[in-house]
N, C-alpha and C. Protein backbone atom coordinates (compact mmCIF):
# COMPACT_ATOMS: atom_id res chain seq x y z
N UNK A 1 38.95 -40.06 61.00
CA UNK A 1 38.05 -40.64 61.98
C UNK A 1 38.74 -40.73 63.34
N UNK A 2 39.98 -41.18 63.32
CA UNK A 2 40.73 -41.26 64.57
C UNK A 2 40.90 -39.87 65.20
N UNK A 3 41.16 -38.90 64.36
CA UNK A 3 41.33 -37.54 64.88
C UNK A 3 40.03 -37.04 65.51
N UNK A 4 38.90 -37.35 64.91
CA UNK A 4 37.62 -36.96 65.47
C UNK A 4 37.37 -37.65 66.81
N UNK A 5 37.69 -38.93 66.89
CA UNK A 5 37.54 -39.67 68.14
C UNK A 5 38.45 -39.10 69.22
N UNK A 6 39.67 -38.76 68.83
CA UNK A 6 40.60 -38.18 69.81
C UNK A 6 40.11 -36.83 70.30
N UNK A 7 39.54 -36.04 69.42
CA UNK A 7 38.99 -34.75 69.83
C UNK A 7 37.86 -34.95 70.84
N UNK A 8 37.01 -35.92 70.58
CA UNK A 8 35.90 -36.21 71.50
C UNK A 8 36.44 -36.69 72.85
N UNK A 9 37.44 -37.56 72.82
CA UNK A 9 38.03 -38.06 74.07
C UNK A 9 38.75 -36.95 74.83
N UNK A 10 39.36 -36.03 74.10
CA UNK A 10 40.02 -34.89 74.74
C UNK A 10 39.00 -34.04 75.48
N UNK A 11 37.86 -33.84 74.84
CA UNK A 11 36.80 -33.06 75.50
C UNK A 11 36.31 -33.78 76.74
N UNK A 12 36.13 -35.09 76.64
CA UNK A 12 35.70 -35.89 77.79
C UNK A 12 36.73 -35.78 78.92
N UNK A 13 38.00 -35.83 78.57
CA UNK A 13 39.07 -35.72 79.56
C UNK A 13 39.06 -34.34 80.21
N UNK A 14 38.84 -33.31 79.42
CA UNK A 14 38.74 -31.96 79.98
C UNK A 14 37.55 -31.84 80.93
N UNK A 15 36.43 -32.44 80.52
CA UNK A 15 35.25 -32.43 81.39
C UNK A 15 35.54 -33.15 82.70
N UNK A 16 36.26 -34.25 82.62
CA UNK A 16 36.63 -35.01 83.82
C UNK A 16 37.53 -34.18 84.73
N UNK A 17 38.47 -33.46 84.14
CA UNK A 17 39.34 -32.58 84.93
C UNK A 17 38.50 -31.56 85.70
N UNK A 18 37.58 -30.93 84.99
CA UNK A 18 36.74 -29.92 85.63
C UNK A 18 35.87 -30.53 86.72
N UNK A 19 35.34 -31.71 86.44
CA UNK A 19 34.48 -32.37 87.41
C UNK A 19 35.26 -32.74 88.67
N UNK A 20 36.46 -33.27 88.48
CA UNK A 20 37.28 -33.64 89.64
C UNK A 20 37.73 -32.40 90.42
N UNK A 21 38.00 -31.34 89.70
CA UNK A 21 38.45 -30.11 90.37
C UNK A 21 37.33 -29.53 91.23
N UNK A 22 36.10 -29.63 90.75
CA UNK A 22 35.00 -29.02 91.50
C UNK A 22 34.41 -29.96 92.55
N UNK A 23 34.32 -31.26 92.24
CA UNK A 23 33.64 -32.19 93.15
C UNK A 23 34.59 -33.02 94.00
N UNK A 24 35.64 -33.51 93.39
CA UNK A 24 36.52 -34.44 94.09
C UNK A 24 35.85 -35.80 94.15
N UNK A 25 36.48 -36.73 94.84
CA UNK A 25 35.92 -38.08 94.96
C UNK A 25 36.27 -38.62 96.32
N UNK A 26 35.32 -39.27 96.90
CA UNK A 26 35.55 -39.84 98.23
C UNK A 26 36.37 -41.12 98.14
N UNK A 27 36.39 -41.75 96.99
CA UNK A 27 37.08 -43.03 96.83
C UNK A 27 38.60 -42.86 96.74
N UNK A 28 39.07 -41.76 96.16
CA UNK A 28 40.50 -41.56 95.97
C UNK A 28 40.90 -40.21 96.55
N UNK A 29 42.15 -40.14 96.92
CA UNK A 29 42.68 -38.86 97.41
C UNK A 29 42.85 -37.92 96.23
N UNK A 30 42.83 -36.62 96.45
CA UNK A 30 43.03 -35.66 95.34
C UNK A 30 44.36 -35.87 94.64
N UNK A 31 45.39 -36.29 95.39
CA UNK A 31 46.70 -36.53 94.76
C UNK A 31 46.63 -37.71 93.80
N UNK A 32 45.93 -38.77 94.22
CA UNK A 32 45.80 -39.96 93.36
C UNK A 32 45.00 -39.63 92.12
N UNK A 33 43.95 -38.81 92.30
CA UNK A 33 43.14 -38.41 91.15
C UNK A 33 43.97 -37.57 90.17
N UNK A 34 44.74 -36.66 90.70
CA UNK A 34 45.58 -35.81 89.85
C UNK A 34 46.60 -36.64 89.10
N UNK A 35 47.20 -37.61 89.80
CA UNK A 35 48.20 -38.48 89.18
C UNK A 35 47.57 -39.29 88.05
N UNK A 36 46.40 -39.87 88.31
CA UNK A 36 45.72 -40.67 87.30
C UNK A 36 45.31 -39.80 86.10
N UNK A 37 44.85 -38.62 86.38
CA UNK A 37 44.46 -37.69 85.33
C UNK A 37 45.67 -37.27 84.49
N UNK A 38 46.80 -37.06 85.14
CA UNK A 38 48.03 -36.72 84.42
C UNK A 38 48.46 -37.87 83.52
N UNK A 39 48.32 -39.10 84.02
CA UNK A 39 48.66 -40.29 83.21
C UNK A 39 47.75 -40.36 81.98
N UNK A 40 46.46 -40.10 82.18
CA UNK A 40 45.53 -40.13 81.06
C UNK A 40 45.88 -39.06 80.03
N UNK A 41 46.24 -37.88 80.50
CA UNK A 41 46.63 -36.80 79.58
C UNK A 41 47.87 -37.17 78.79
N UNK A 42 48.85 -37.77 79.45
CA UNK A 42 50.07 -38.21 78.76
C UNK A 42 49.75 -39.26 77.71
N UNK A 43 48.88 -40.21 78.07
CA UNK A 43 48.49 -41.25 77.12
C UNK A 43 47.79 -40.64 75.91
N UNK A 44 46.90 -39.68 76.16
CA UNK A 44 46.18 -39.01 75.07
C UNK A 44 47.17 -38.27 74.17
N UNK A 45 48.11 -37.54 74.77
CA UNK A 45 49.11 -36.82 73.98
C UNK A 45 49.95 -37.77 73.14
N UNK A 46 50.31 -38.90 73.72
CA UNK A 46 51.08 -39.90 72.99
C UNK A 46 50.29 -40.43 71.80
N UNK A 47 49.02 -40.70 72.02
CA UNK A 47 48.18 -41.21 70.93
C UNK A 47 48.01 -40.15 69.85
N UNK A 48 47.84 -38.90 70.25
CA UNK A 48 47.71 -37.81 69.26
C UNK A 48 48.97 -37.75 68.40
N UNK A 49 50.13 -37.87 69.02
CA UNK A 49 51.40 -37.85 68.27
C UNK A 49 51.50 -39.04 67.33
N UNK A 50 51.09 -40.21 67.80
CA UNK A 50 51.14 -41.41 66.97
C UNK A 50 50.20 -41.28 65.77
N UNK A 51 49.02 -40.73 66.00
CA UNK A 51 48.07 -40.54 64.90
C UNK A 51 48.63 -39.54 63.88
N UNK A 52 49.27 -38.49 64.36
CA UNK A 52 49.88 -37.51 63.45
C UNK A 52 50.97 -38.17 62.61
N UNK A 53 51.79 -39.00 63.24
CA UNK A 53 52.85 -39.70 62.50
C UNK A 53 52.25 -40.67 61.50
N UNK A 54 51.19 -41.37 61.91
CA UNK A 54 50.52 -42.31 61.02
C UNK A 54 49.92 -41.58 59.82
N UNK A 55 49.32 -40.43 60.07
CA UNK A 55 48.72 -39.66 58.99
C UNK A 55 49.78 -39.21 57.99
N UNK A 56 50.91 -38.72 58.49
CA UNK A 56 52.00 -38.30 57.60
C UNK A 56 52.52 -39.49 56.79
N UNK A 57 52.67 -40.62 57.46
CA UNK A 57 53.16 -41.81 56.78
C UNK A 57 52.17 -42.27 55.71
N UNK A 58 50.90 -42.24 56.03
CA UNK A 58 49.88 -42.66 55.07
C UNK A 58 49.83 -41.71 53.88
N UNK A 59 50.02 -40.42 54.11
CA UNK A 59 50.05 -39.46 53.00
C UNK A 59 51.20 -39.78 52.06
N UNK A 60 52.35 -40.08 52.65
CA UNK A 60 53.53 -40.42 51.85
C UNK A 60 53.28 -41.69 51.04
N UNK A 61 52.70 -42.68 51.66
CA UNK A 61 52.40 -43.94 50.97
C UNK A 61 51.40 -43.71 49.85
N UNK A 62 50.38 -42.89 50.12
CA UNK A 62 49.38 -42.58 49.11
C UNK A 62 50.01 -41.90 47.90
N UNK A 63 50.92 -40.97 48.14
CA UNK A 63 51.61 -40.29 47.04
C UNK A 63 52.46 -41.28 46.24
N UNK A 64 53.12 -42.20 46.94
CA UNK A 64 53.93 -43.20 46.24
C UNK A 64 53.05 -44.11 45.39
N UNK A 65 51.87 -44.50 45.89
CA UNK A 65 50.96 -45.34 45.11
C UNK A 65 50.44 -44.59 43.89
N UNK A 66 50.16 -43.30 44.04
CA UNK A 66 49.71 -42.51 42.89
C UNK A 66 50.79 -42.47 41.81
N UNK A 67 52.03 -42.25 42.24
CA UNK A 67 53.14 -42.23 41.28
C UNK A 67 53.27 -43.60 40.62
N UNK A 68 53.14 -44.66 41.41
CA UNK A 68 53.22 -46.02 40.86
C UNK A 68 52.13 -46.24 39.82
N UNK A 69 50.90 -45.84 40.14
CA UNK A 69 49.79 -46.02 39.20
C UNK A 69 50.03 -45.28 37.89
N UNK A 70 50.54 -44.05 37.98
CA UNK A 70 50.82 -43.27 36.77
C UNK A 70 51.90 -43.96 35.93
N UNK A 71 52.97 -44.38 36.56
CA UNK A 71 54.07 -45.03 35.85
C UNK A 71 53.61 -46.36 35.27
N UNK A 72 52.81 -47.10 36.05
CA UNK A 72 52.30 -48.39 35.56
C UNK A 72 51.45 -48.20 34.31
N UNK A 73 50.59 -47.18 34.33
CA UNK A 73 49.74 -46.92 33.16
C UNK A 73 50.59 -46.58 31.94
N UNK A 74 51.63 -45.77 32.17
CA UNK A 74 52.51 -45.39 31.07
C UNK A 74 53.26 -46.61 30.51
N UNK A 75 53.78 -47.45 31.39
CA UNK A 75 54.51 -48.65 30.95
C UNK A 75 53.56 -49.61 30.24
N UNK A 76 52.36 -49.73 30.75
CA UNK A 76 51.38 -50.60 30.11
C UNK A 76 51.06 -50.12 28.70
N UNK A 77 50.90 -48.82 28.55
CA UNK A 77 50.62 -48.26 27.22
C UNK A 77 51.80 -48.48 26.28
N UNK A 78 53.01 -48.28 26.77
CA UNK A 78 54.20 -48.49 25.94
C UNK A 78 54.31 -49.96 25.53
N UNK A 79 54.04 -50.85 26.45
CA UNK A 79 54.11 -52.28 26.16
C UNK A 79 53.11 -52.65 25.07
N UNK A 80 51.91 -52.09 25.17
CA UNK A 80 50.90 -52.36 24.14
C UNK A 80 51.37 -51.85 22.78
N UNK A 81 51.95 -50.67 22.76
CA UNK A 81 52.47 -50.11 21.50
C UNK A 81 53.57 -51.00 20.92
N UNK A 82 54.49 -51.43 21.79
CA UNK A 82 55.59 -52.27 21.31
C UNK A 82 55.08 -53.60 20.79
N UNK A 83 54.11 -54.17 21.48
CA UNK A 83 53.56 -55.44 21.01
C UNK A 83 52.88 -55.26 19.65
N UNK A 84 52.19 -54.15 19.49
CA UNK A 84 51.56 -53.86 18.21
C UNK A 84 52.62 -53.72 17.12
N UNK A 85 53.68 -52.98 17.40
CA UNK A 85 54.75 -52.79 16.41
C UNK A 85 55.42 -54.11 16.06
N UNK A 86 55.66 -54.92 17.06
CA UNK A 86 56.29 -56.22 16.81
C UNK A 86 55.37 -57.07 15.94
N UNK A 87 54.07 -57.01 16.25
CA UNK A 87 53.12 -57.78 15.46
C UNK A 87 53.09 -57.29 14.02
N UNK A 88 53.19 -55.97 13.83
CA UNK A 88 53.17 -55.40 12.47
C UNK A 88 54.46 -55.71 11.72
N UNK A 89 55.55 -55.88 12.44
CA UNK A 89 56.84 -56.14 11.79
C UNK A 89 57.01 -57.59 11.36
N UNK A 90 56.20 -58.47 11.88
CA UNK A 90 56.32 -59.88 11.49
C UNK A 90 55.81 -60.04 10.06
N UNK A 91 56.66 -60.56 9.20
CA UNK A 91 56.18 -60.78 7.83
C UNK A 91 55.24 -61.99 7.80
N UNK A 92 54.19 -61.85 7.04
CA UNK A 92 53.31 -63.01 6.90
C UNK A 92 54.02 -64.02 6.01
N UNK A 93 53.59 -65.24 6.08
CA UNK A 93 54.29 -66.31 5.37
C UNK A 93 54.22 -66.13 3.85
N UNK A 94 53.12 -65.55 3.36
CA UNK A 94 53.03 -65.37 1.91
C UNK A 94 53.78 -64.13 1.45
N UNK A 95 54.19 -63.24 2.40
CA UNK A 95 54.92 -62.04 2.03
C UNK A 95 56.40 -62.15 2.38
N UNK A 96 56.98 -63.25 2.14
CA UNK A 96 58.38 -63.45 2.50
C UNK A 96 59.33 -62.92 1.43
N UNK A 97 58.81 -62.39 0.36
CA UNK A 97 59.68 -61.90 -0.71
C UNK A 97 60.33 -60.59 -0.31
N UNK A 98 61.42 -60.26 -0.91
CA UNK A 98 62.17 -59.04 -0.63
C UNK A 98 61.33 -57.81 -0.94
N UNK A 99 60.60 -57.86 -2.03
CA UNK A 99 59.77 -56.72 -2.42
C UNK A 99 58.66 -56.47 -1.39
N UNK A 100 58.06 -57.53 -0.87
CA UNK A 100 57.00 -57.39 0.14
C UNK A 100 57.57 -56.82 1.44
N UNK A 101 58.79 -57.26 1.79
CA UNK A 101 59.42 -56.74 3.01
C UNK A 101 59.76 -55.26 2.86
N UNK A 102 60.23 -54.84 1.71
CA UNK A 102 60.53 -53.43 1.46
C UNK A 102 59.26 -52.58 1.58
N UNK A 103 58.17 -53.11 1.05
CA UNK A 103 56.89 -52.40 1.11
C UNK A 103 56.44 -52.26 2.57
N UNK A 104 56.62 -53.30 3.34
CA UNK A 104 56.21 -53.27 4.74
C UNK A 104 57.07 -52.27 5.53
N UNK A 105 58.38 -52.23 5.25
CA UNK A 105 59.26 -51.27 5.91
C UNK A 105 58.83 -49.85 5.59
N UNK A 106 58.52 -49.62 4.31
CA UNK A 106 58.06 -48.29 3.90
C UNK A 106 56.77 -47.91 4.62
N UNK A 107 55.85 -48.87 4.74
CA UNK A 107 54.59 -48.63 5.43
C UNK A 107 54.84 -48.28 6.90
N UNK A 108 55.71 -49.00 7.54
CA UNK A 108 56.01 -48.75 8.95
C UNK A 108 56.68 -47.41 9.16
N UNK A 109 57.53 -47.00 8.21
CA UNK A 109 58.20 -45.71 8.35
C UNK A 109 57.20 -44.59 8.21
């Protein structure tokens, strides 16, 4: 969106350059107009560079968030598996006998 706005403003600035070149202005000298126009062009170029840097930075951040989401999902799945295994490994109170524990180990294997 910023890039689109900058493109529109660049066109407006170009139109202003052409208008000043052909018509001039009685309020300001041509030198003052040229100086002001040059300042506006520098400001526009600076903003274009800042937007480009911001876009690159945002792309990098977006990639890092995607990697984080993937890793988080994997860790969450592993945690769920481990909790399930831990729950399955807990002997119930009525199965505290050695034979019941051996059976449970065999089942888990």
